[in-house]
């Protein structure tokens, strides 16, 4: 932080400022990251998780930056091997993983006995 910036902050706190957050900025608020767009982006990714951020943004008519922010911050998703996945599994996904593991367990037991003989 520069010396000038330190003086500015000191002056603001000396005048009674109590919060360190950003001040409201003039201008129009962003409309591309509202709940409606979040739901639409979620629906697109849920339908095909292999889309790129550019493709999702083009389908929904929003900027790439807004689309990326919706995916990473609002929907808590990240890219894993060319797919957008939620950071935490939903209840349906947990049940699905458990069911698949139960179905694979008997096959693994057969493979173990087959390899012993």
PDB file of N, CA and C in Angstrom:
ATOM      1  N   UNK A   1       0.851  -1.163   0.000  1.00  0.00           N
ATOM      2  CA  UNK A   1       0.000   0.000   0.000  1.00  0.00           C
ATOM      3  C   UNK A   1       0.898   1.228   0.000  1.00  0.00           C
ATOM      4  N   UNK A   2       0.553   2.194  -0.797  1.00  0.00           N
ATOM      5  CA  UNK A   2       1.375   3.391  -0.916  1.00  0.00           C
ATOM      6  C   UNK A   2       1.169   4.318   0.286  1.00  0.00           C
ATOM      7  N   UNK A   3       2.106   5.205   0.439  1.00  0.00           N
ATOM      8  CA  UNK A   3       2.041   6.177   1.538  1.00  0.00           C
ATOM      9  C   UNK A   3       0.814   7.073   1.375  1.00  0.00           C
ATOM     10  N   UNK A   4       0.538   7.477   0.144  1.00  0.00           N
ATOM     11  CA  UNK A   4      -0.623   8.338  -0.119  1.00  0.00           C
ATOM     12  C   UNK A   4      -1.914   7.643   0.277  1.00  0.00           C
ATOM     13  N   UNK A   5      -2.019   6.360  -0.068  1.00  0.00           N
ATOM     14  CA  UNK A   5      -3.222   5.598   0.282  1.00  0.00           C
ATOM     15  C   UNK A   5      -3.365   5.478   1.795  1.00  0.00           C
ATOM     16  N   UNK A   6      -2.251   5.295   2.496  1.00  0.00           N
ATOM     17  CA  UNK A   6      -2.294   5.237   3.969  1.00  0.00           C
ATOM     18  C   UNK A   6      -2.815   6.532   4.549  1.00  0.00           C
ATOM     19  N   UNK A   7      -2.365   7.660   3.995  1.00  0.00           N
ATOM     20  CA  UNK A   7      -2.850   8.960   4.469  1.00  0.00           C
ATOM     21  C   UNK A   7      -4.340   9.127   4.216  1.00  0.00           C
ATOM     22  N   UNK A   8      -4.787   8.647   3.051  1.00  0.00           N
ATOM     23  CA  UNK A   8      -6.223   8.726   2.730  1.00  0.00           C
ATOM     24  C   UNK A   8      -7.048   7.928   3.737  1.00  0.00           C
ATOM     25  N   UNK A   9      -6.615   6.690   4.027  1.00  0.00           N
ATOM     26  CA  UNK A   9      -7.332   5.860   4.993  1.00  0.00           C
ATOM     27  C   UNK A   9      -7.313   6.499   6.378  1.00  0.00           C
ATOM     28  N   UNK A  10      -6.167   7.016   6.775  1.00  0.00           N
ATOM     29  CA  UNK A  10      -6.055   7.648   8.082  1.00  0.00           C
ATOM     30  C   UNK A  10      -7.019   8.818   8.193  1.00  0.00           C
ATOM     31  N   UNK A  11      -7.090   9.615   7.137  1.00  0.00           N
ATOM     32  CA  UNK A  11      -7.990  10.768   7.117  1.00  0.00           C
ATOM     33  C   UNK A  11      -9.450  10.311   7.255  1.00  0.00           C
ATOM     34  N   UNK A  12      -9.815   9.254   6.522  1.00  0.00           N
ATOM     35  CA  UNK A  12     -11.199   8.761   6.582  1.00  0.00           C
ATOM     36  C   UNK A  12     -11.552   8.274   7.984  1.00  0.00           C
ATOM     37  N   UNK A  13     -10.642   7.521   8.623  1.00  0.00           N
ATOM     38  CA  UNK A  13     -10.932   7.012   9.965  1.00  0.00           C
ATOM     39  C   UNK A  13     -10.920   8.117  11.001  1.00  0.00           C
ATOM     40  N   UNK A  14     -10.101   9.105  10.794  1.00  0.00           N
ATOM     41  CA  UNK A  14     -10.057  10.252  11.706  1.00  0.00           C
ATOM     42  C   UNK A  14     -11.366  11.033  11.644  1.00  0.00           C
ATOM     43  N   UNK A  15     -11.996  11.059  10.465  1.00  0.00           N
ATOM     44  CA  UNK A  15     -13.264  11.761  10.282  1.00  0.00           C
ATOM     45  C   UNK A  15     -14.462  10.939  10.751  1.00  0.00           C
ATOM     46  N   UNK A  16     -14.222   9.706  11.241  1.00  0.00           N
ATOM     47  CA  UNK A  16     -15.307   8.935  11.819  1.00  0.00           C
ATOM     48  C   UNK A  16     -15.740   7.709  11.044  1.00  0.00           C
ATOM     49  N   UNK A  17     -15.063   7.382   9.991  1.00  0.00           N
ATOM     50  CA  UNK A  17     -15.433   6.190   9.234  1.00  0.00           C
ATOM     51  C   UNK A  17     -15.155   4.953  10.087  1.00  0.00           C
ATOM     52  N   UNK A  18     -16.122   4.010  10.129  1.00  0.00           N
ATOM     53  CA  UNK A  18     -15.977   2.825  10.965  1.00  0.00           C
ATOM     54  C   UNK A  18     -15.827   1.539  10.163  1.00  0.00           C
ATOM     55  N   UNK A  19     -16.277   1.516   8.934  1.00  0.00           N
ATOM     56  CA  UNK A  19     -16.246   0.301   8.130  1.00  0.00           C
ATOM     57  C   UNK A  19     -15.113   0.351   7.110  1.00  0.00           C
ATOM     58  N   UNK A  20     -14.548  -0.806   6.817  1.00  0.00           N
ATOM     59  CA  UNK A  20     -13.463  -0.857   5.849  1.00  0.00           C
ATOM     60  C   UNK A  20     -13.929  -1.392   4.498  1.00  0.00           C
ATOM     61  N   UNK A  21     -15.205  -1.704   4.370  1.00  0.00           N
ATOM     62  CA  UNK A  21     -15.737  -2.222   3.108  1.00  0.00           C
ATOM     63  C   UNK A  21     -15.777  -1.150   2.045  1.00  0.00           C
ATOM     64  N   UNK A  22     -16.137  -1.578   0.838  1.00  0.00           N
ATOM     65  CA  UNK A  22     -16.194  -0.642  -0.274  1.00  0.00           C
ATOM     66  C   UNK A  22     -17.404   0.272  -0.155  1.00  0.00           C
ATOM     67  N   UNK A  23     -17.222   1.501  -0.613  1.00  0.00           N
ATOM     68  CA  UNK A  23     -18.320   2.450  -0.664  1.00  0.00           C
ATOM     69  C   UNK A  23     -19.201   2.122  -1.863  1.00  0.00           C
ATOM     70  N   UNK A  24     -20.486   2.467  -1.796  1.00  0.00           N
ATOM     71  CA  UNK A  24     -21.341   2.244  -2.958  1.00  0.00           C
ATOM     72  C   UNK A  24     -20.813   3.037  -4.150  1.00  0.00           C
ATOM     73  N   UNK A  25     -20.843   2.412  -5.303  1.00  0.00           N
ATOM     74  CA  UNK A  25     -20.343   3.065  -6.503  1.00  0.00           C
ATOM     75  C   UNK A  25     -21.509   3.610  -7.311  1.00  0.00           C
ATOM     76  N   UNK A  26     -21.275   4.706  -7.998  1.00  0.00           N
ATOM     77  CA  UNK A  26     -22.344   5.241  -8.845  1.00  0.00           C
ATOM     78  C   UNK A  26     -22.523   4.357 -10.075  1.00  0.00           C
ATOM     79  N   UNK A  27     -23.701   4.419 -10.643  1.00  0.00           N
ATOM     80  CA  UNK A  27     -23.952   3.661 -11.858  1.00  0.00           C
ATOM     81  C   UNK A  27     -24.957   2.551 -11.644  1.00  0.00           C
ATOM     82  N   UNK A  28     -25.244   1.883 -12.723  1.00  0.00           N
ATOM     83  CA  UNK A  28     -26.236   0.829 -12.724  1.00  0.00           C
ATOM     84  C   UNK A  28     -25.670  -0.451 -12.110  1.00  0.00           C
ATOM     85  N   UNK A  29     -26.482  -1.143 -11.335  1.00  0.00           N
ATOM     86  CA  UNK A  29     -26.078  -2.417 -10.753  1.00  0.00           C
ATOM     87  C   UNK A  29     -26.079  -3.499 -11.822  1.00  0.00           C
ATOM     88  N   UNK A  30     -25.287  -4.528 -11.599  1.00  0.00           N
ATOM     89  CA  UNK A  30     -25.215  -5.632 -12.542  1.00  0.00           C
ATOM     90  C   UNK A  30     -26.537  -6.397 -12.544  1.00  0.00           C
ATOM     91  N   UNK A  31     -27.036  -6.657 -13.736  1.00  0.00           N
ATOM     92  CA  UNK A  31     -28.286  -7.411 -13.844  1.00  0.00           C
ATOM     93  C   UNK A  31     -28.040  -8.830 -14.350  1.00  0.00           C
ATOM     94  N   UNK A  32     -26.804  -9.147 -14.699  1.00  0.00           N
ATOM     95  CA  UNK A  32     -26.538 -10.474 -15.257  1.00  0.00           C
ATOM     96  C   UNK A  32     -26.217 -11.511 -14.202  1.00  0.00           C
ATOM     97  N   UNK A  33     -26.146 -11.127 -12.930  1.00  0.00           N
ATOM     98  CA  UNK A  33     -25.855 -12.100 -11.883  1.00  0.00           C
ATOM     99  C   UNK A  33     -27.010 -12.207 -10.884  1.00  0.00           C
ATOM    100  N   UNK A  34     -28.219 -11.899 -11.331  1.00  0.00           N
ATOM    101  CA  UNK A  34     -29.372 -12.016 -10.438  1.00  0.00           C
ATOM    102  C   UNK A  34     -29.861 -13.464 -10.381  1.00  0.00           C
ATOM    103  N   UNK A  35     -30.849 -13.719  -9.561  1.00  0.00           N
ATOM    104  CA  UNK A  35     -31.343 -15.073  -9.341  1.00  0.00           C
ATOM    105  C   UNK A  35     -31.845 -15.756 -10.603  1.00  0.00           C
ATOM    106  N   UNK A  36     -32.455 -14.994 -11.496  1.00  0.00           N
ATOM    107  CA  UNK A  36     -32.982 -15.567 -12.731  1.00  0.00           C
ATOM    108  C   UNK A  36     -31.849 -16.133 -13.586  1.00  0.00           C
ATOM    109  N   UNK A  37     -30.779 -15.370 -13.754  1.00  0.00           N
ATOM    110  CA  UNK A  37     -29.647 -15.840 -14.550  1.00  0.00           C
ATOM    111  C   UNK A  37     -28.947 -17.019 -13.874  1.00  0.00           C
ATOM    112  N   UNK A  38     -28.864 -16.988 -12.549  1.00  0.00           N
ATOM    113  CA  UNK A  38     -28.227 -18.094 -11.820  1.00  0.00           C
ATOM    114  C   UNK A  38     -28.997 -19.381 -12.073  1.00  0.00           C
ATOM    115  N   UNK A  39     -30.310 -19.330 -12.001  1.00  0.00           N
ATOM    116  CA  UNK A  39     -31.131 -20.522 -12.252  1.00  0.00           C
ATOM    117  C   UNK A  39     -30.969 -21.024 -13.684  1.00  0.00           C
ATOM    118  N   UNK A  40     -30.931 -20.099 -14.644  1.00  0.00           N
ATOM    119  CA  UNK A  40     -30.797 -20.489 -16.048  1.00  0.00           C
ATOM    120  C   UNK A  40     -29.432 -21.119 -16.321  1.00  0.00           C
ATOM    121  N   UNK A  41     -28.362 -20.550 -15.743  1.00  0.00           N
ATOM    122  CA  UNK A  41     -27.025 -21.126 -15.924  1.00  0.00           C
ATOM    123  C   UNK A  41     -26.959 -22.499 -15.271  1.00  0.00           C
ATOM    124  N   UNK A  42     -27.577 -22.631 -14.096  1.00  0.00           N
ATOM    125  CA  UNK A  42     -27.592 -23.913 -13.402  1.00  0.00           C
ATOM    126  C   UNK A  42     -28.305 -24.969 -14.251  1.00  0.00           C
ATOM    127  N   UNK A  43     -29.400 -24.586 -14.868  1.00  0.00           N
ATOM    128  CA  UNK A  43     -30.145 -25.528 -15.704  1.00  0.00           C
ATOM    129  C   UNK A  43     -29.315 -25.973 -16.910  1.00  0.00           C
ATOM    130  N   UNK A  44     -28.580 -25.042 -17.518  1.00  0.00           N
ATOM    131  CA  UNK A  44     -27.753 -25.392 -18.675  1.00  0.00           C
ATOM    132  C   UNK A  44     -26.640 -26.346 -18.262  1.00  0.00           C
ATOM    133  N   UNK A  45     -25.957 -26.052 -17.157  1.00  0.00           N
ATOM    134  CA  UNK A  45     -24.861 -26.900 -16.693  1.00  0.00           C
ATOM    135  C   UNK A  45     -25.390 -28.254 -16.231  1.00  0.00           C
ATOM    136  N   UNK A  46     -26.562 -28.269 -15.611  1.00  0.00           N
ATOM    137  CA  UNK A  46     -27.149 -29.535 -15.168  1.00  0.00           C
ATOM    138  C   UNK A  46     -27.485 -30.417 -16.366  1.00  0.00           C
ATOM    139  N   UNK A  47     -27.882 -29.797 -17.470  1.00  0.00           N
ATOM    140  CA  UNK A  47     -28.199 -30.549 -18.677  1.00  0.00           C
ATOM    141  C   UNK A  47     -26.969 -31.105 -19.371  1.00  0.00           C
ATOM    142  N   UNK A  48     -25.877 -30.332 -19.379  1.00  0.00           N
ATOM    143  CA  UNK A  48     -24.643 -30.779 -20.030  1.00  0.00           C
ATOM    144  C   UNK A  48     -23.474 -30.137 -19.301  1.00  0.00           C
ATOM    145  N   UNK A  49     -22.819 -30.883 -18.445  1.00  0.00           N
ATOM    146  CA  UNK A  49     -21.752 -30.330 -17.616  1.00  0.00           C
ATOM    147  C   UNK A  49     -20.427 -30.201 -18.366  1.00  0.00           C
ATOM    148  N   UNK A  50     -20.369 -30.617 -19.623  1.00  0.00           N
ATOM    149  CA  UNK A  50     -19.129 -30.529 -20.398  1.00  0.00           C
ATOM    150  C   UNK A  50     -19.022 -29.248 -21.218  1.00  0.00           C
ATOM    151  N   UNK A  51     -19.954 -28.333 -21.061  1.00  0.00           N
ATOM    152  CA  UNK A  51     -19.895 -27.068 -21.785  1.00  0.00           C
ATOM    153  C   UNK A  51     -18.811 -26.174 -21.202  1.00  0.00           C
ATOM    154  N   UNK A  52     -18.236 -25.341 -22.052  1.00  0.00           N
ATOM    155  CA  UNK A  52     -17.267 -24.366 -21.572  1.00  0.00           C
ATOM    156  C   UNK A  52     -18.005 -23.133 -21.060  1.00  0.00           C
ATOM    157  N   UNK A  53     -17.283 -22.282 -20.353  1.00  0.00           N
ATOM    158  CA  UNK A  53     -17.884 -21.048 -19.846  1.00  0.00           C
ATOM    159  C   UNK A  53     -18.367 -20.193 -21.018  1.00  0.00           C
ATOM    160  N   UNK A  54     -17.570 -20.152 -22.085  1.00  0.00           N
ATOM    161  CA  UNK A  54     -17.941 -19.383 -23.274  1.00  0.00           C
ATOM    162  C   UNK A  54     -19.252 -19.887 -23.873  1.00  0.00           C
ATOM    163  N   UNK A  55     -19.408 -21.199 -23.969  1.00  0.00           N
ATOM    164  CA  UNK A  55     -20.627 -21.777 -24.538  1.00  0.00           C
ATOM    165  C   UNK A  55     -21.845 -21.486 -23.667  1.00  0.00           C
ATOM    166  N   UNK A  56     -21.690 -21.584 -22.359  1.00  0.00           N
ATOM    167  CA  UNK A  56     -22.805 -21.287 -21.455  1.00  0.00           C
ATOM    168  C   UNK A  56     -23.176 -19.817 -21.558  1.00  0.00           C
ATOM    169  N   UNK A  57     -22.175 -18.943 -21.595  1.00  0.00           N
ATOM    170  CA  UNK A  57     -22.431 -17.505 -21.699  1.00  0.00           C
ATOM    171  C   UNK A  57     -23.144 -17.177 -23.003  1.00  0.00           C
ATOM    172  N   UNK A  58     -22.716 -17.808 -24.099  1.00  0.00           N
ATOM    173  CA  UNK A  58     -23.375 -17.568 -25.384  1.00  0.00           C
ATOM    174  C   UNK A  58     -24.825 -18.049 -25.375  1.00  0.00           C
ATOM    175  N   UNK A  59     -25.082 -19.201 -24.766  1.00  0.00           N
ATOM    176  CA  UNK A  59     -26.452 -19.733 -24.711  1.00  0.00           C
ATOM    177  C   UNK A  59     -27.378 -18.841 -23.900  1.00  0.00           C
ATOM    178  N   UNK A  60     -26.860 -18.255 -22.846  1.00  0.00           N
ATOM    179  CA  UNK A  60     -27.693 -17.450 -21.957  1.00  0.00           C
ATOM    180  C   UNK A  60     -27.631 -15.958 -22.250  1.00  0.00           C
ATOM    181  N   UNK A  61     -26.735 -15.547 -23.131  1.00  0.00           N
ATOM    182  CA  UNK A  61     -26.660 -14.146 -23.528  1.00  0.00           C
ATOM    183  C   UNK A  61     -26.086 -13.238 -22.439  1.00  0.00           C
ATOM    184  N   UNK A  62     -25.136 -13.747 -21.671  1.00  0.00           N
ATOM    185  CA  UNK A  62     -24.478 -12.938 -20.649  1.00  0.00           C
ATOM    186  C   UNK A  62     -22.979 -12.953 -20.923  1.00  0.00           C
ATOM    187  N   UNK A  63     -22.240 -12.085 -20.241  1.00  0.00           N
ATOM    188  CA  UNK A  63     -20.802 -12.019 -20.473  1.00  0.00           C
ATOM    189  C   UNK A  63     -20.102 -13.242 -19.875  1.00  0.00           C
ATOM    190  N   UNK A  64     -18.918 -13.516 -20.395  1.00  0.00           N
ATOM    191  CA  UNK A  64     -18.139 -14.658 -19.915  1.00  0.00           C
ATOM    192  C   UNK A  64     -17.755 -14.449 -18.446  1.00  0.00           C
ATOM    193  N   UNK A  65     -17.382 -13.219 -18.083  1.00  0.00           N
ATOM    194  CA  UNK A  65     -17.013 -12.927 -16.699  1.00  0.00           C
ATOM    195  C   UNK A  65     -18.160 -13.153 -15.734  1.00  0.00           C
ATOM    196  N   UNK A  66     -19.352 -12.698 -16.109  1.00  0.00           N
ATOM    197  CA  UNK A  66     -20.528 -12.910 -15.256  1.00  0.00           C
ATOM    198  C   UNK A  66     -20.862 -14.391 -15.159  1.00  0.00           C
ATOM    199  N   UNK A  67     -20.749 -15.093 -16.272  1.00  0.00           N
ATOM    200  CA  UNK A  67     -21.032 -16.524 -16.275  1.00  0.00           C
ATOM    201  C   UNK A  67     -20.044 -17.264 -15.375  1.00  0.00           C
ATOM    202  N   UNK A  68     -18.773 -16.918 -15.468  1.00  0.00           N
ATOM    203  CA  UNK A  68     -17.754 -17.558 -14.638  1.00  0.00           C
ATOM    204  C   UNK A  68     -18.002 -17.267 -13.165  1.00  0.00           C
ATOM    205  N   UNK A  69     -18.389 -16.026 -12.860  1.00  0.00           N
ATOM    206  CA  UNK A  69     -18.666 -15.670 -11.465  1.00  0.00           C
ATOM    207  C   UNK A  69     -19.885 -16.423 -10.940  1.00  0.00           C
ATOM    208  N   UNK A  70     -20.904 -16.586 -11.754  1.00  0.00           N
ATOM    209  CA  UNK A  70     -22.087 -17.352 -11.346  1.00  0.00           C
ATOM    210  C   UNK A  70     -21.686 -18.790 -11.043  1.00  0.00           C
ATOM    211  N   UNK A  71     -20.901 -19.390 -11.931  1.00  0.00           N
ATOM    212  CA  UNK A  71     -20.517 -20.789 -11.743  1.00  0.00           C
ATOM    213  C   UNK A  71     -19.645 -20.988 -10.515  1.00  0.00           C
ATOM    214  N   UNK A  72     -18.672 -20.116 -10.309  1.00  0.00           N
ATOM    215  CA  UNK A  72     -17.711 -20.335  -9.227  1.00  0.00           C
ATOM    216  C   UNK A  72     -18.188 -19.809  -7.880  1.00  0.00           C
ATOM    217  N   UNK A  73     -18.814 -18.637  -7.862  1.00  0.00           N
ATOM    218  CA  UNK A  73     -19.196 -18.037  -6.585  1.00  0.00           C
ATOM    219  C   UNK A  73     -20.626 -18.360  -6.171  1.00  0.00           C
ATOM    220  N   UNK A  74     -21.554 -18.207  -7.077  1.00  0.00           N
ATOM    221  CA  UNK A  74     -22.966 -18.421  -6.730  1.00  0.00           C
ATOM    222  C   UNK A  74     -23.315 -19.905  -6.652  1.00  0.00           C
ATOM    223  N   UNK A  75     -22.864 -20.693  -7.650  1.00  0.00           N
ATOM    224  CA  UNK A  75     -23.207 -22.113  -7.689  1.00  0.00           C
ATOM    225  C   UNK A  75     -22.145 -22.992  -7.041  1.00  0.00           C
ATOM    226  N   UNK A  76     -21.039 -22.394  -6.608  1.00  0.00           N
ATOM    227  CA  UNK A  76     -19.960 -23.130  -5.934  1.00  0.00           C
ATOM    228  C   UNK A  76     -19.492 -24.317  -6.765  1.00  0.00           C
ATOM    229  N   UNK A  77     -19.240 -24.085  -8.048  1.00  0.00           N
ATOM    230  CA  UNK A  77     -18.766 -25.144  -8.927  1.00  0.00           C
ATOM    231  C   UNK A  77     -17.338 -24.846  -9.353  1.00  0.00           C
ATOM    232  N   UNK A  78     -16.652 -25.891  -9.755  1.00  0.00           N
ATOM    233  CA  UNK A  78     -15.320 -25.734 -10.308  1.00  0.00           C
ATOM    234  C   UNK A  78     -15.139 -26.755 -11.410  1.00  0.00           C
ATOM    235  N   UNK A  79     -14.176 -26.500 -12.278  1.00  0.00           N
ATOM    236  CA  UNK A  79     -13.954 -27.379 -13.429  1.00  0.00           C
ATOM    237  C   UNK A  79     -13.081 -28.546 -13.000  1.00  0.00           C
ATOM    238  N   UNK A  80     -13.582 -29.755 -13.259  1.00  0.00           N
ATOM    239  CA  UNK A  80     -12.836 -30.971 -12.989  1.00  0.00           C
ATOM    240  C   UNK A  80     -12.813 -31.772 -14.279  1.00  0.00           C
ATOM    241  N   UNK A  81     -11.642 -31.945 -14.834  1.00  0.00           N
ATOM    242  CA  UNK A  81     -11.435 -32.711 -16.070  1.00  0.00           C
ATOM    243  C   UNK A  81     -12.518 -32.406 -17.111  1.00  0.00           C
ATOM    244  N   UNK A  82     -12.578 -31.154 -17.496  1.00  0.00           N
ATOM    245  CA  UNK A  82     -13.467 -30.670 -18.562  1.00  0.00           C
ATOM    246  C   UNK A  82     -14.946 -30.721 -18.199  1.00  0.00           C
ATOM    247  N   UNK A  83     -15.282 -30.796 -16.917  1.00  0.00           N
ATOM    248  CA  UNK A  83     -16.680 -30.760 -16.505  1.00  0.00           C
ATOM    249  C   UNK A  83     -16.821 -29.803 -15.342  1.00  0.00           C
ATOM    250  N   UNK A  84     -17.948 -29.098 -15.279  1.00  0.00           N
ATOM    251  CA  UNK A  84     -18.245 -28.289 -14.104  1.00  0.00           C
ATOM    252  C   UNK A  84     -18.971 -29.154 -13.104  1.00  0.00           C
ATOM    253  N   UNK A  85     -18.435 -29.254 -11.919  1.00  0.00           N
ATOM    254  CA  UNK A  85     -19.009 -30.084 -10.874  1.00  0.00           C
ATOM    255  C   UNK A  85     -19.211 -29.248  -9.623  1.00  0.00           C
ATOM    256  N   UNK A  86     -20.266 -29.531  -8.856  1.00  0.00           N
ATOM    257  CA  UNK A  86     -20.433 -28.834  -7.575  1.00  0.00           C
ATOM    258  C   UNK A  86     -19.290 -29.214  -6.642  1.00  0.00           C
ATOM    259  N   UNK A  87     -18.905 -28.286  -5.803  1.00  0.00           N
ATOM    260  CA  UNK A  87     -17.828 -28.572  -4.862  1.00  0.00           C
ATOM    261  C   UNK A  87     -18.259 -29.587  -3.820  1.00  0.00           C
ATOM    262  N   UNK A  88     -19.515 -29.556  -3.461  1.00  0.00           N
ATOM    263  CA  UNK A  88     -20.054 -30.512  -2.505  1.00  0.00           C
ATOM    264  C   UNK A  88     -21.135 -31.326  -3.194  1.00  0.00           C
ATOM    265  N   UNK A  89     -21.208 -32.604  -2.891  1.00  0.00           N
ATOM    266  CA  UNK A  89     -22.211 -33.457  -3.508  1.00  0.00           C
ATOM    267  C   UNK A  89     -23.587 -33.182  -2.925  1.00  0.00           C
ATOM    268  N   UNK A  90     -24.592 -33.244  -3.776  1.00  0.00           N
ATOM    269  CA  UNK A  90     -25.971 -33.116  -3.303  1.00  0.00           C
ATOM    270  C   UNK A  90     -26.418 -34.457  -2.741  1.00  0.00           C
ATOM    271  N   UNK A  91     -27.562 -34.473  -2.093  1.00  0.00           N
ATOM    272  CA  UNK A  91     -28.077 -35.721  -1.523  1.00  0.00           C
ATOM    273  C   UNK A  91     -28.329 -36.761  -2.613  1.00  0.00           C
ATOM    274  N   UNK A  92     -28.864 -36.340  -3.757  1.00  0.00           N
ATOM    275  CA  UNK A  92     -29.109 -37.274  -4.861  1.00  0.00           C
ATOM    276  C   UNK A  92     -27.803 -37.875  -5.367  1.00  0.00           C
ATOM    277  N   UNK A  93     -26.767 -37.054  -5.458  1.00  0.00           N
ATOM    278  CA  UNK A  93     -25.482 -37.560  -5.932  1.00  0.00           C
ATOM    279  C   UNK A  93     -24.874 -38.536  -4.928  1.00  0.00           C
ATOM    280  N   UNK A  94     -25.023 -38.238  -3.636  1.00  0.00           N
ATOM    281  CA  UNK A  94     -24.504 -39.147  -2.610  1.00  0.00           C
ATOM    282  C   UNK A  94     -25.214 -40.503  -2.695  1.00  0.00           C
ATOM    283  N   UNK A  95     -26.535 -40.484  -2.861  1.00  0.00           N
ATOM    284  CA  UNK A  95     -27.292 -41.728  -2.987  1.00  0.00           C
ATOM    285  C   UNK A  95     -26.881 -42.493  -4.242  1.00  0.00           C
ATOM    286  N   UNK A  96     -26.676 -41.771  -5.340  1.00  0.00           N
ATOM    287  CA  UNK A  96     -26.265 -42.389  -6.588  1.00  0.00           C
ATOM    288  C   UNK A  96     -24.894 -43.044  -6.433  1.00  0.00           C
ATOM    289  N   UNK A  97     -23.950 -42.378  -5.804  1.00  0.00           N
ATOM    290  CA  UNK A  97     -22.615 -42.944  -5.592  1.00  0.00           C
ATOM    291  C   UNK A  97     -22.689 -44.193  -4.706  1.00  0.00           C
ATOM    292  N   UNK A  98     -23.536 -44.147  -3.673  1.00  0.00           N
ATOM    293  CA  UNK A  98     -23.686 -45.294  -2.790  1.00  0.00           C
ATOM    294  C   UNK A  98     -24.277 -46.480  -3.538  1.00  0.00           C
ATOM    295  N   UNK A  99     -25.272 -46.233  -4.361  1.00  0.00           N
ATOM    296  CA  UNK A  99     -25.910 -47.298  -5.137  1.00  0.00           C
ATOM    297  C   UNK A  99     -24.917 -47.931  -6.119  1.00  0.00           C
ATOM    298  N   UNK A 100     -24.127 -47.126  -6.777  1.00  0.00           N
ATOM    299  CA  UNK A 100     -23.124 -47.647  -7.718  1.00  0.00           C
ATOM    300  C   UNK A 100     -22.097 -48.493  -6.977  1.00  0.00           C
ATOM    301  N   UNK A 101     -21.654 -48.024  -5.814  1.00  0.00           N
ATOM    302  CA  UNK A 101     -20.676 -48.789  -5.028  1.00  0.00           C
ATOM    303  C   UNK A 101     -21.257 -50.129  -4.593  1.00  0.00           C
ATOM    304  N   UNK A 102     -22.529 -50.140  -4.197  1.00  0.00           N
ATOM    305  CA  UNK A 102     -23.170 -51.403  -3.801  1.00  0.00           C
ATOM    306  C   UNK A 102     -23.280 -52.364  -4.972  1.00  0.00           C
ATOM    307  N   UNK A 103     -23.538 -51.829  -6.162  1.00  0.00           N
ATOM    308  CA  UNK A 103     -23.636 -52.681  -7.349  1.00  0.00           C
ATOM    309  C   UNK A 103     -22.271 -53.223  -7.766  1.00  0.00           C
ATOM    310  N   UNK A 104     -21.218 -52.469  -7.535  1.00  0.00           N
ATOM    311  CA  UNK A 104     -19.871 -52.894  -7.927  1.00  0.00           C
ATOM    312  C   UNK A 104     -19.241 -53.856  -6.930  1.00  0.00           C
ATOM    313  N   UNK A 105     -19.681 -53.837  -5.691  1.00  0.00           N
ATOM    314  CA  UNK A 105     -19.080 -54.679  -4.661  1.00  0.00           C
ATOM    315  C   UNK A 105     -19.166 -56.168  -4.991  1.00  0.00           C
ATOM    316  N   UNK A 106     -20.320 -56.709  -5.402  1.00  0.00           N
ATOM    317  CA  UNK A 106     -20.351 -58.135  -5.753  1.00  0.00           C
ATOM    318  C   UNK A 106     -19.416 -58.479  -6.923  1.00  0.00           C
ATOM    319  N   UNK A 107     -19.297 -57.575  -7.881  1.00  0.00           N
ATOM    320  CA  UNK A 107     -18.408 -57.830  -9.012  1.00  0.00           C
ATOM    321  C   UNK A 107     -16.956 -57.889  -8.554  1.00  0.00           C
ATOM    322  N   UNK A 108     -16.592 -57.055  -7.591  1.00  0.00           N
ATOM    323  CA  UNK A 108     -15.236 -57.070  -7.086  1.00  0.00           C
ATOM    324  C   UNK A 108     -14.950 -58.367  -6.341  1.00  0.00           C
ATOM    325  N   UNK A 109     -15.930 -58.886  -5.602  1.00  0.00           N
ATOM    326  CA  UNK A 109     -15.756 -60.149  -4.886  1.00  0.00           C
ATOM    327  C   UNK A 109     -15.541 -61.296  -5.883  1.00  0.00           C
ATOM    328  N   UNK A 110     -16.280 -61.281  -6.988  1.00  0.00           N
ATOM    329  CA  UNK A 110     -16.126 -62.311  -8.016  1.00  0.00           C
ATOM    330  C   UNK A 110     -14.736 -62.216  -8.639  1.00  0.00           C
ATOM    331  N   UNK A 111     -14.275 -61.006  -8.894  1.00  0.00           N
ATOM    332  CA  UNK A 111     -12.956 -60.819  -9.502  1.00  0.00           C
ATOM    333  C   UNK A 111     -11.853 -61.299  -8.564  1.00  0.00           C
ATOM    334  N   UNK A 112     -12.003 -61.083  -7.254  1.00  0.00           N
ATOM    335  CA  UNK A 112     -10.998 -61.539  -6.294  1.00  0.00           C
ATOM    336  C   UNK A 112     -10.923 -63.059  -6.264  1.00  0.00           C
ATOM    337  N   UNK A 113     -12.077 -63.729  -6.240  1.00  0.00           N
ATOM    338  CA  UNK A 113     -12.062 -65.196  -6.222  1.00  0.00           C
ATOM    339  C   UNK A 113     -11.577 -65.743  -7.545  1.00  0.00           C
ATOM    340  N   UNK A 114     -11.853 -65.075  -8.666  1.00  0.00           N
ATOM    341  CA  UNK A 114     -11.409 -65.514  -9.962  1.00  0.00           C
ATOM    342  C   UNK A 114      -9.881 -65.408 -10.073  1.00  0.00           C
ATOM    343  N   UNK A 115      -9.304 -64.353  -9.521  1.00  0.00           N
ATOM    344  CA  UNK A 115      -7.855 -64.160  -9.632  1.00  0.00           C
ATOM    345  C   UNK A 115      -7.102 -65.116  -8.712  1.00  0.00           C
ATOM    346  N   UNK A 116      -7.721 -65.671  -7.681  1.00  0.00           N
ATOM    347  CA  UNK A 116      -7.063 -66.607  -6.773  1.00  0.00           C
ATOM    348  C   UNK A 116      -6.894 -67.987  -7.392  1.00  0.00           C
ATOM    349  N   UNK A 117      -7.797 -68.357  -8.279  1.00  0.00           N
ATOM    350  CA  UNK A 117      -7.734 -69.708  -8.840  1.00  0.00           C
ATOM    351  C   UNK A 117      -6.806 -69.806 -10.009  1.00  0.00           C
TER     352      UNK A 117
END
